[in-house]
Amino acid sequence: MGSRRHAREIALQMLYLCDNCRISPEDARDCVVSKSGEILSPAVKSFSLQLFDGIADKKEELDNIIEHSAENWEMNRMACVDRNILRLAAYEITDMKDTPINVIINEAVEIAKRFSTDDSGKFVNGILDNMKTARNNAPLSSKC
């Protein structure tokens, strides 16, 4: 597994703790990054925290973008893991323009296949494909 994939999975764990377990972002960071027992490379730790902190800062905007791209789906109806994978990908799509969008989508789909249901890869791919189309036509914003 590459270091960026590993960092995305670490960020997903922190997002899950905040979303599903109602743990504060500070406690989630401490639990996953500091006390997990796993020794993280500086690159993995840095990228995972960059993702997590960025998503925390823009959560409402990202959720609006996702809901706009997820026709007939509300965030609270999505599986917790899928919802947070979509937040990760939406953040990368909107704020990390150096990463090719196809790489972002492929990474999200692979993480969904690993951590969620059998159908999650297809679900995540469909929503992110809608985001890709919107990004190619106009800049994504919460006003989509």
N, C-alpha and C. Protein backbone atom coordinates (compact mmCIF):
# COMPACT_ATOMS: atom_id res chain seq x y z
N MET A 1 0.85 -1.18 0.00
CA MET A 1 0.00 0.00 0.00
C MET A 1 0.89 1.24 0.00
N GLY A 2 0.53 2.21 -0.82
CA GLY A 2 1.28 3.45 -0.87
C GLY A 2 1.03 4.32 0.35
N SER A 3 1.93 5.27 0.57
CA SER A 3 1.80 6.11 1.76
C SER A 3 0.58 7.03 1.69
N ARG A 4 0.22 7.47 0.50
CA ARG A 4 -0.97 8.34 0.40
C ARG A 4 -2.24 7.54 0.69
N ARG A 5 -2.33 6.33 0.20
CA ARG A 5 -3.49 5.48 0.50
C ARG A 5 -3.56 5.25 2.01
N HIS A 6 -2.43 4.95 2.61
CA HIS A 6 -2.38 4.72 4.05
C HIS A 6 -2.86 5.97 4.79
N ALA A 7 -2.41 7.14 4.36
CA ALA A 7 -2.82 8.40 4.99
C ALA A 7 -4.33 8.62 4.84
N ARG A 8 -4.87 8.30 3.68
CA ARG A 8 -6.31 8.43 3.47
C ARG A 8 -7.08 7.51 4.43
N GLU A 9 -6.58 6.32 4.62
CA GLU A 9 -7.24 5.37 5.52
C GLU A 9 -7.15 5.84 6.97
N ILE A 10 -6.05 6.45 7.35
CA ILE A 10 -5.91 7.01 8.70
C ILE A 10 -6.89 8.17 8.87
N ALA A 11 -6.98 9.04 7.88
CA ALA A 11 -7.93 10.15 7.93
C ALA A 11 -9.36 9.62 8.02
N LEU A 12 -9.66 8.57 7.28
CA LEU A 12 -10.99 7.96 7.34
C LEU A 12 -11.31 7.47 8.74
N GLN A 13 -10.34 6.87 9.41
CA GLN A 13 -10.56 6.40 10.78
C GLN A 13 -10.92 7.56 11.71
N MET A 14 -10.20 8.67 11.57
CA MET A 14 -10.50 9.84 12.41
C MET A 14 -11.87 10.41 12.10
N LEU A 15 -12.21 10.49 10.82
CA LEU A 15 -13.54 10.98 10.43
C LEU A 15 -14.65 10.08 10.96
N TYR A 16 -14.43 8.78 10.90
CA TYR A 16 -15.41 7.82 11.40
C TYR A 16 -15.64 8.02 12.89
N LEU A 17 -14.57 8.18 13.65
CA LEU A 17 -14.71 8.39 15.09
C LEU A 17 -15.53 9.64 15.40
N CYS A 18 -15.28 10.70 14.66
CA CYS A 18 -16.03 11.95 14.89
C CYS A 18 -17.49 11.80 14.49
N ASP A 19 -17.72 11.17 13.35
CA ASP A 19 -19.06 11.08 12.77
C ASP A 19 -19.92 10.04 13.47
N ASN A 20 -19.39 8.86 13.68
CA ASN A 20 -20.18 7.76 14.20
C ASN A 20 -20.14 7.65 15.73
N CYS A 21 -18.99 7.94 16.30
CA CYS A 21 -18.81 7.76 17.74
C CYS A 21 -18.91 9.07 18.51
N ARG A 22 -19.09 10.16 17.79
CA ARG A 22 -19.25 11.49 18.38
C ARG A 22 -18.05 11.89 19.24
N ILE A 23 -16.87 11.49 18.80
CA ILE A 23 -15.64 11.87 19.47
C ILE A 23 -15.19 13.21 18.90
N SER A 24 -14.64 14.07 19.72
CA SER A 24 -14.18 15.38 19.25
C SER A 24 -13.03 15.19 18.27
N PRO A 25 -12.85 16.14 17.36
CA PRO A 25 -11.73 16.03 16.42
C PRO A 25 -10.37 15.91 17.14
N GLU A 26 -10.20 16.63 18.22
CA GLU A 26 -8.94 16.56 18.96
C GLU A 26 -8.71 15.16 19.51
N ASP A 27 -9.76 14.58 20.10
CA ASP A 27 -9.63 13.23 20.65
C ASP A 27 -9.44 12.19 19.55
N ALA A 28 -10.09 12.39 18.42
CA ALA A 28 -9.92 11.45 17.29
C ALA A 28 -8.49 11.49 16.79
N ARG A 29 -7.94 12.69 16.66
CA ARG A 29 -6.55 12.84 16.23
C ARG A 29 -5.61 12.14 17.21
N ASP A 30 -5.85 12.38 18.49
CA ASP A 30 -5.00 11.80 19.52
C ASP A 30 -5.10 10.28 19.53
N CYS A 31 -6.30 9.79 19.40
CA CYS A 31 -6.55 8.34 19.45
C CYS A 31 -5.91 7.63 18.26
N VAL A 32 -6.10 8.15 17.08
CA VAL A 32 -5.65 7.47 15.87
C VAL A 32 -4.17 7.74 15.57
N VAL A 33 -3.75 8.98 15.67
CA VAL A 33 -2.39 9.33 15.26
C VAL A 33 -1.38 9.09 16.38
N SER A 34 -1.77 9.33 17.62
CA SER A 34 -0.81 9.25 18.71
C SER A 34 -0.85 7.94 19.48
N LYS A 35 -2.03 7.40 19.70
CA LYS A 35 -2.14 6.27 20.61
C LYS A 35 -2.54 4.96 19.96
N SER A 36 -2.54 4.91 18.66
CA SER A 36 -2.99 3.69 17.99
C SER A 36 -2.00 2.55 18.12
N GLY A 37 -0.79 2.86 18.50
CA GLY A 37 0.23 1.82 18.56
C GLY A 37 0.94 1.63 17.23
N GLU A 38 0.38 2.21 16.20
CA GLU A 38 0.99 2.12 14.87
C GLU A 38 1.97 3.28 14.71
N ILE A 39 3.15 2.98 14.26
CA ILE A 39 4.13 4.02 14.03
C ILE A 39 3.94 4.52 12.60
N LEU A 40 3.58 5.79 12.49
CA LEU A 40 3.32 6.38 11.19
C LEU A 40 4.54 7.15 10.71
N SER A 41 4.82 7.02 9.42
CA SER A 41 5.91 7.81 8.86
C SER A 41 5.50 9.28 8.90
N PRO A 42 6.46 10.19 8.90
CA PRO A 42 6.12 11.61 8.89
C PRO A 42 5.23 12.00 7.70
N ALA A 43 5.46 11.40 6.53
CA ALA A 43 4.66 11.72 5.35
C ALA A 43 3.21 11.28 5.52
N VAL A 44 3.01 10.07 6.06
CA VAL A 44 1.65 9.56 6.27
C VAL A 44 0.94 10.40 7.32
N LYS A 45 1.61 10.67 8.41
CA LYS A 45 1.00 11.48 9.48
C LYS A 45 0.63 12.87 8.96
N SER A 46 1.54 13.50 8.25
CA SER A 46 1.29 14.85 7.73
C SER A 46 0.12 14.88 6.77
N PHE A 47 0.09 13.96 5.81
CA PHE A 47 -0.98 13.96 4.81
C PHE A 47 -2.33 13.60 5.45
N SER A 48 -2.34 12.65 6.37
CA SER A 48 -3.61 12.27 7.01
C SER A 48 -4.16 13.43 7.81
N LEU A 49 -3.30 14.16 8.51
CA LEU A 49 -3.77 15.31 9.30
C LEU A 49 -4.19 16.46 8.39
N GLN A 50 -3.50 16.64 7.27
CA GLN A 50 -3.89 17.66 6.31
C GLN A 50 -5.31 17.38 5.79
N LEU A 51 -5.57 16.13 5.44
CA LEU A 51 -6.91 15.75 4.98
C LEU A 51 -7.95 15.94 6.08
N PHE A 52 -7.68 15.39 7.23
CA PHE A 52 -8.63 15.45 8.34
C PHE A 52 -8.95 16.88 8.73
N ASP A 53 -7.92 17.70 8.92
CA ASP A 53 -8.15 19.09 9.33
C ASP A 53 -8.87 19.88 8.24
N GLY A 54 -8.51 19.63 6.99
CA GLY A 54 -9.18 20.33 5.89
C GLY A 54 -10.66 19.98 5.80
N ILE A 55 -10.95 18.71 5.99
CA ILE A 55 -12.36 18.27 5.95
C ILE A 55 -13.12 18.85 7.12
N ALA A 56 -12.51 18.87 8.29
CA ALA A 56 -13.17 19.44 9.47
C ALA A 56 -13.50 20.92 9.24
N ASP A 57 -12.58 21.64 8.60
CA ASP A 57 -12.80 23.06 8.35
C ASP A 57 -13.88 23.33 7.31
N LYS A 58 -14.07 22.40 6.36
CA LYS A 58 -14.98 22.64 5.25
C LYS A 58 -16.13 21.63 5.19
N LYS A 59 -16.43 20.99 6.30
CA LYS A 59 -17.40 19.89 6.31
C LYS A 59 -18.75 20.28 5.71
N GLU A 60 -19.30 21.39 6.11
CA GLU A 60 -20.61 21.80 5.61
C GLU A 60 -20.58 22.04 4.10
N GLU A 61 -19.55 22.72 3.63
CA GLU A 61 -19.42 22.97 2.19
C GLU A 61 -19.24 21.66 1.42
N LEU A 62 -18.41 20.77 1.93
CA LEU A 62 -18.20 19.48 1.28
C LEU A 62 -19.49 18.66 1.25
N ASP A 63 -20.23 18.68 2.35
CA ASP A 63 -21.49 17.94 2.39
C ASP A 63 -22.48 18.48 1.36
N ASN A 64 -22.51 19.78 1.17
CA ASN A 64 -23.38 20.37 0.16
C ASN A 64 -22.98 19.93 -1.24
N ILE A 65 -21.69 19.89 -1.51
CA ILE A 65 -21.20 19.44 -2.81
C ILE A 65 -21.57 17.98 -3.04
N ILE A 66 -21.38 17.17 -2.02
CA ILE A 66 -21.70 15.74 -2.13
C ILE A 66 -23.18 15.54 -2.37
N GLU A 67 -24.02 16.21 -1.58
CA GLU A 67 -25.47 16.06 -1.75
C GLU A 67 -25.92 16.50 -3.13
N HIS A 68 -25.29 17.53 -3.65
CA HIS A 68 -25.65 17.99 -5.00
C HIS A 68 -25.29 16.93 -6.05
N SER A 69 -24.17 16.26 -5.84
CA SER A 69 -23.71 15.25 -6.78
C SER A 69 -24.38 13.89 -6.58
N ALA A 70 -24.94 13.69 -5.40
CA ALA A 70 -25.59 12.41 -5.05
C ALA A 70 -27.09 12.56 -5.21
N GLU A 71 -27.53 12.47 -6.42
CA GLU A 71 -28.94 12.66 -6.72
C GLU A 71 -29.79 11.73 -5.87
N ASN A 72 -30.78 12.31 -5.20
CA ASN A 72 -31.74 11.58 -4.37
C ASN A 72 -31.13 10.94 -3.12
N TRP A 73 -29.99 11.42 -2.69
CA TRP A 73 -29.37 10.92 -1.46
C TRP A 73 -29.07 12.09 -0.53
N GLU A 74 -29.43 11.93 0.71
CA GLU A 74 -29.06 12.89 1.74
C GLU A 74 -27.90 12.30 2.53
N MET A 75 -27.07 13.15 3.06
CA MET A 75 -25.88 12.68 3.78
C MET A 75 -26.25 11.73 4.92
N ASN A 76 -27.30 12.05 5.66
CA ASN A 76 -27.64 11.21 6.82
C ASN A 76 -28.19 9.85 6.43
N ARG A 77 -28.52 9.64 5.17
CA ARG A 77 -29.00 8.33 4.70
C ARG A 77 -27.87 7.44 4.18
N MET A 78 -26.71 8.03 4.00
CA MET A 78 -25.56 7.26 3.49
C MET A 78 -24.90 6.50 4.64
N ALA A 79 -24.32 5.38 4.31
CA ALA A 79 -23.54 4.64 5.31
C ALA A 79 -22.40 5.55 5.80
N CYS A 80 -22.11 5.47 7.07
CA CYS A 80 -21.11 6.34 7.69
C CYS A 80 -19.75 6.26 6.97
N VAL A 81 -19.31 5.07 6.66
CA VAL A 81 -18.02 4.92 5.99
C VAL A 81 -18.08 5.55 4.61
N ASP A 82 -19.13 5.29 3.85
CA ASP A 82 -19.26 5.87 2.51
C ASP A 82 -19.29 7.39 2.56
N ARG A 83 -20.04 7.92 3.48
CA ARG A 83 -20.16 9.38 3.65
C ARG A 83 -18.78 10.00 3.89
N ASN A 84 -17.98 9.37 4.70
CA ASN A 84 -16.67 9.93 5.02
C ASN A 84 -15.65 9.70 3.91
N ILE A 85 -15.77 8.63 3.17
CA ILE A 85 -14.93 8.43 1.99
C ILE A 85 -15.25 9.52 0.97
N LEU A 86 -16.52 9.83 0.81
CA LEU A 86 -16.92 10.89 -0.11
C LEU A 86 -16.39 12.25 0.35
N ARG A 87 -16.39 12.49 1.66
CA ARG A 87 -15.82 13.74 2.17
C ARG A 87 -14.33 13.83 1.84
N LEU A 88 -13.62 12.72 2.05
CA LEU A 88 -12.19 12.70 1.72
C LEU A 88 -11.97 13.06 0.25
N ALA A 89 -12.69 12.38 -0.62
CA ALA A 89 -12.52 12.60 -2.05
C ALA A 89 -12.96 14.01 -2.45
N ALA A 90 -14.07 14.48 -1.90
CA ALA A 90 -14.55 15.83 -2.24
C ALA A 90 -13.52 16.88 -1.82
N TYR A 91 -12.92 16.68 -0.67
CA TYR A 91 -11.89 17.63 -0.23
C TYR A 91 -10.70 17.62 -1.19
N GLU A 92 -10.27 16.44 -1.56
CA GLU A 92 -9.14 16.37 -2.49
C GLU A 92 -9.50 16.98 -3.84
N ILE A 93 -10.71 16.74 -4.31
CA ILE A 93 -11.14 17.29 -5.60
C ILE A 93 -11.17 18.82 -5.55
N THR A 94 -11.68 19.37 -4.46
CA THR A 94 -11.84 20.82 -4.39
C THR A 94 -10.58 21.56 -3.95
N ASP A 95 -9.75 20.94 -3.13
CA ASP A 95 -8.65 21.68 -2.51
C ASP A 95 -7.26 21.17 -2.85
N MET A 96 -7.15 20.04 -3.47
CA MET A 96 -5.84 19.48 -3.78
C MET A 96 -5.75 19.24 -5.28
N LYS A 97 -5.73 20.30 -6.01
CA LYS A 97 -5.82 20.26 -7.47
C LYS A 97 -4.61 19.59 -8.13
N ASP A 98 -3.53 19.39 -7.40
CA ASP A 98 -2.35 18.72 -7.97
C ASP A 98 -2.56 17.22 -8.16
N THR A 99 -3.50 16.66 -7.41
CA THR A 99 -3.78 15.23 -7.53
C THR A 99 -4.79 15.03 -8.66
N PRO A 100 -4.47 14.23 -9.66
CA PRO A 100 -5.41 14.01 -10.76
C PRO A 100 -6.74 13.44 -10.24
N ILE A 101 -7.82 13.93 -10.79
CA ILE A 101 -9.14 13.52 -10.31
C ILE A 101 -9.37 12.02 -10.46
N ASN A 102 -8.84 11.42 -11.51
CA ASN A 102 -9.01 9.97 -11.68
C ASN A 102 -8.31 9.19 -10.57
N VAL A 103 -7.18 9.70 -10.11
CA VAL A 103 -6.48 9.06 -8.99
C VAL A 103 -7.32 9.17 -7.72
N ILE A 104 -7.89 10.34 -7.48
CA ILE A 104 -8.74 10.56 -6.30
C ILE A 104 -9.91 9.58 -6.32
N ILE A 105 -10.57 9.47 -7.46
CA ILE A 105 -11.73 8.59 -7.57
C ILE A 105 -11.31 7.13 -7.39
N ASN A 106 -10.24 6.71 -8.04
CA ASN A 106 -9.78 5.32 -7.90
C ASN A 106 -9.43 4.99 -6.45
N GLU A 107 -8.75 5.90 -5.78
CA GLU A 107 -8.40 5.68 -4.38
C GLU A 107 -9.66 5.55 -3.52
N ALA A 108 -10.62 6.43 -3.73
CA ALA A 108 -11.87 6.38 -2.95
C ALA A 108 -12.62 5.07 -3.18
N VAL A 109 -12.68 4.64 -4.42
CA VAL A 109 -13.38 3.40 -4.74
C VAL A 109 -12.68 2.21 -4.08
N GLU A 110 -11.37 2.16 -4.14
CA GLU A 110 -10.63 1.06 -3.53
C GLU A 110 -10.80 1.05 -2.00
N ILE A 111 -10.79 2.22 -1.40
CA ILE A 111 -10.99 2.30 0.06
C ILE A 111 -12.41 1.87 0.41
N ALA A 112 -13.38 2.26 -0.41
CA ALA A 112 -14.77 1.84 -0.17
C ALA A 112 -14.91 0.33 -0.27
N LYS A 113 -14.27 -0.26 -1.25
CA LYS A 113 -14.33 -1.72 -1.41
C LYS A 113 -13.72 -2.42 -0.20
N ARG A 114 -12.68 -1.83 0.36
CA ARG A 114 -11.99 -2.46 1.49
C ARG A 114 -12.74 -2.29 2.81
N PHE A 115 -13.34 -1.12 3.04
CA PHE A 115 -13.87 -0.81 4.35
C PHE A 115 -15.40 -0.78 4.44
N SER A 116 -16.09 -0.88 3.32
CA SER A 116 -17.54 -0.76 3.38
C SER A 116 -18.21 -1.97 2.73
N THR A 117 -19.40 -1.78 2.23
CA THR A 117 -20.21 -2.88 1.71
C THR A 117 -19.77 -3.28 0.29
N ASP A 118 -20.33 -4.37 -0.19
CA ASP A 118 -20.02 -4.85 -1.54
C ASP A 118 -20.39 -3.82 -2.61
N ASP A 119 -21.45 -3.06 -2.37
CA ASP A 119 -21.92 -2.09 -3.36
C ASP A 119 -21.32 -0.70 -3.18
N SER A 120 -20.55 -0.50 -2.15
CA SER A 120 -20.04 0.85 -1.86
C SER A 120 -19.11 1.39 -2.93
N GLY A 121 -18.29 0.54 -3.51
CA GLY A 121 -17.40 0.99 -4.57
C GLY A 121 -18.16 1.62 -5.72
N LYS A 122 -19.25 0.97 -6.12
CA LYS A 122 -20.08 1.49 -7.22
C LYS A 122 -20.78 2.79 -6.80
N PHE A 123 -21.28 2.80 -5.57
CA PHE A 123 -21.97 3.98 -5.04
C PHE A 123 -21.03 5.19 -5.02
N VAL A 124 -19.86 5.01 -4.44
CA VAL A 124 -18.87 6.09 -4.35
C VAL A 124 -18.43 6.52 -5.75
N ASN A 125 -18.19 5.58 -6.63
CA ASN A 125 -17.77 5.89 -7.99
C ASN A 125 -18.82 6.74 -8.71
N GLY A 126 -20.09 6.38 -8.57
CA GLY A 126 -21.15 7.13 -9.24
C GLY A 126 -21.22 8.57 -8.79
N ILE A 127 -21.15 8.78 -7.49
CA ILE A 127 -21.23 10.15 -6.97
C ILE A 127 -19.99 10.95 -7.37
N LEU A 128 -18.84 10.35 -7.26
CA LEU A 128 -17.61 11.06 -7.61
C LEU A 128 -17.53 11.32 -9.11
N ASP A 129 -18.09 10.45 -9.92
CA ASP A 129 -18.14 10.70 -11.36
C ASP A 129 -18.99 11.94 -11.65
N ASN A 130 -20.09 12.11 -10.91
CA ASN A 130 -20.90 13.33 -11.05
C ASN A 130 -20.09 14.56 -10.65
N MET A 131 -19.29 14.45 -9.59
CA MET A 131 -18.43 15.56 -9.17
C MET A 131 -17.39 15.87 -10.24
N LYS A 132 -16.84 14.83 -10.83
CA LYS A 132 -15.84 15.01 -11.88
C LYS A 132 -16.43 15.79 -13.04
N THR A 133 -17.63 15.41 -13.44
CA THR A 133 -18.31 16.11 -14.54
C THR A 133 -18.54 17.56 -14.18
N ALA A 134 -18.99 17.81 -12.95
CA ALA A 134 -19.23 19.18 -12.51
C ALA A 134 -17.92 19.97 -12.46
N ARG A 135 -16.85 19.34 -12.01
CA ARG A 135 -15.55 20.02 -11.93
C ARG A 135 -15.04 20.37 -13.32
N ASN A 136 -15.26 19.49 -14.27
CA ASN A 136 -14.81 19.76 -15.63
C ASN A 136 -15.62 20.86 -16.29
N ASN A 137 -16.88 21.02 -15.88
CA ASN A 137 -17.74 22.03 -16.49
C ASN A 137 -17.63 23.39 -15.81
N ALA A 138 -17.38 23.38 -14.50
CA ALA A 138 -17.27 24.62 -13.73
C ALA A 138 -16.64 24.28 -12.39
N PRO A 139 -16.06 25.28 -11.74
CA PRO A 139 -15.47 25.02 -10.42
C PRO A 139 -16.55 24.56 -9.43
N LEU A 140 -16.21 23.57 -8.61
CA LEU A 140 -17.13 23.11 -7.59
C LEU A 140 -17.18 24.11 -6.46
N SER A 141 -18.37 24.32 -5.97
CA SER A 141 -18.56 25.12 -4.77
C SER A 141 -19.85 24.66 -4.13
N SER A 142 -20.12 25.19 -2.96
CA SER A 142 -21.34 24.79 -2.28
C SER A 142 -22.57 25.36 -2.97
N LYS A 143 -22.38 26.18 -4.00
CA LYS A 143 -23.50 26.76 -4.72
C LYS A 143 -23.89 25.94 -5.93
N CYS A 144 -23.30 24.76 -6.12
CA CYS A 144 -23.61 23.91 -7.27
C CYS A 144 -25.09 23.64 -7.35
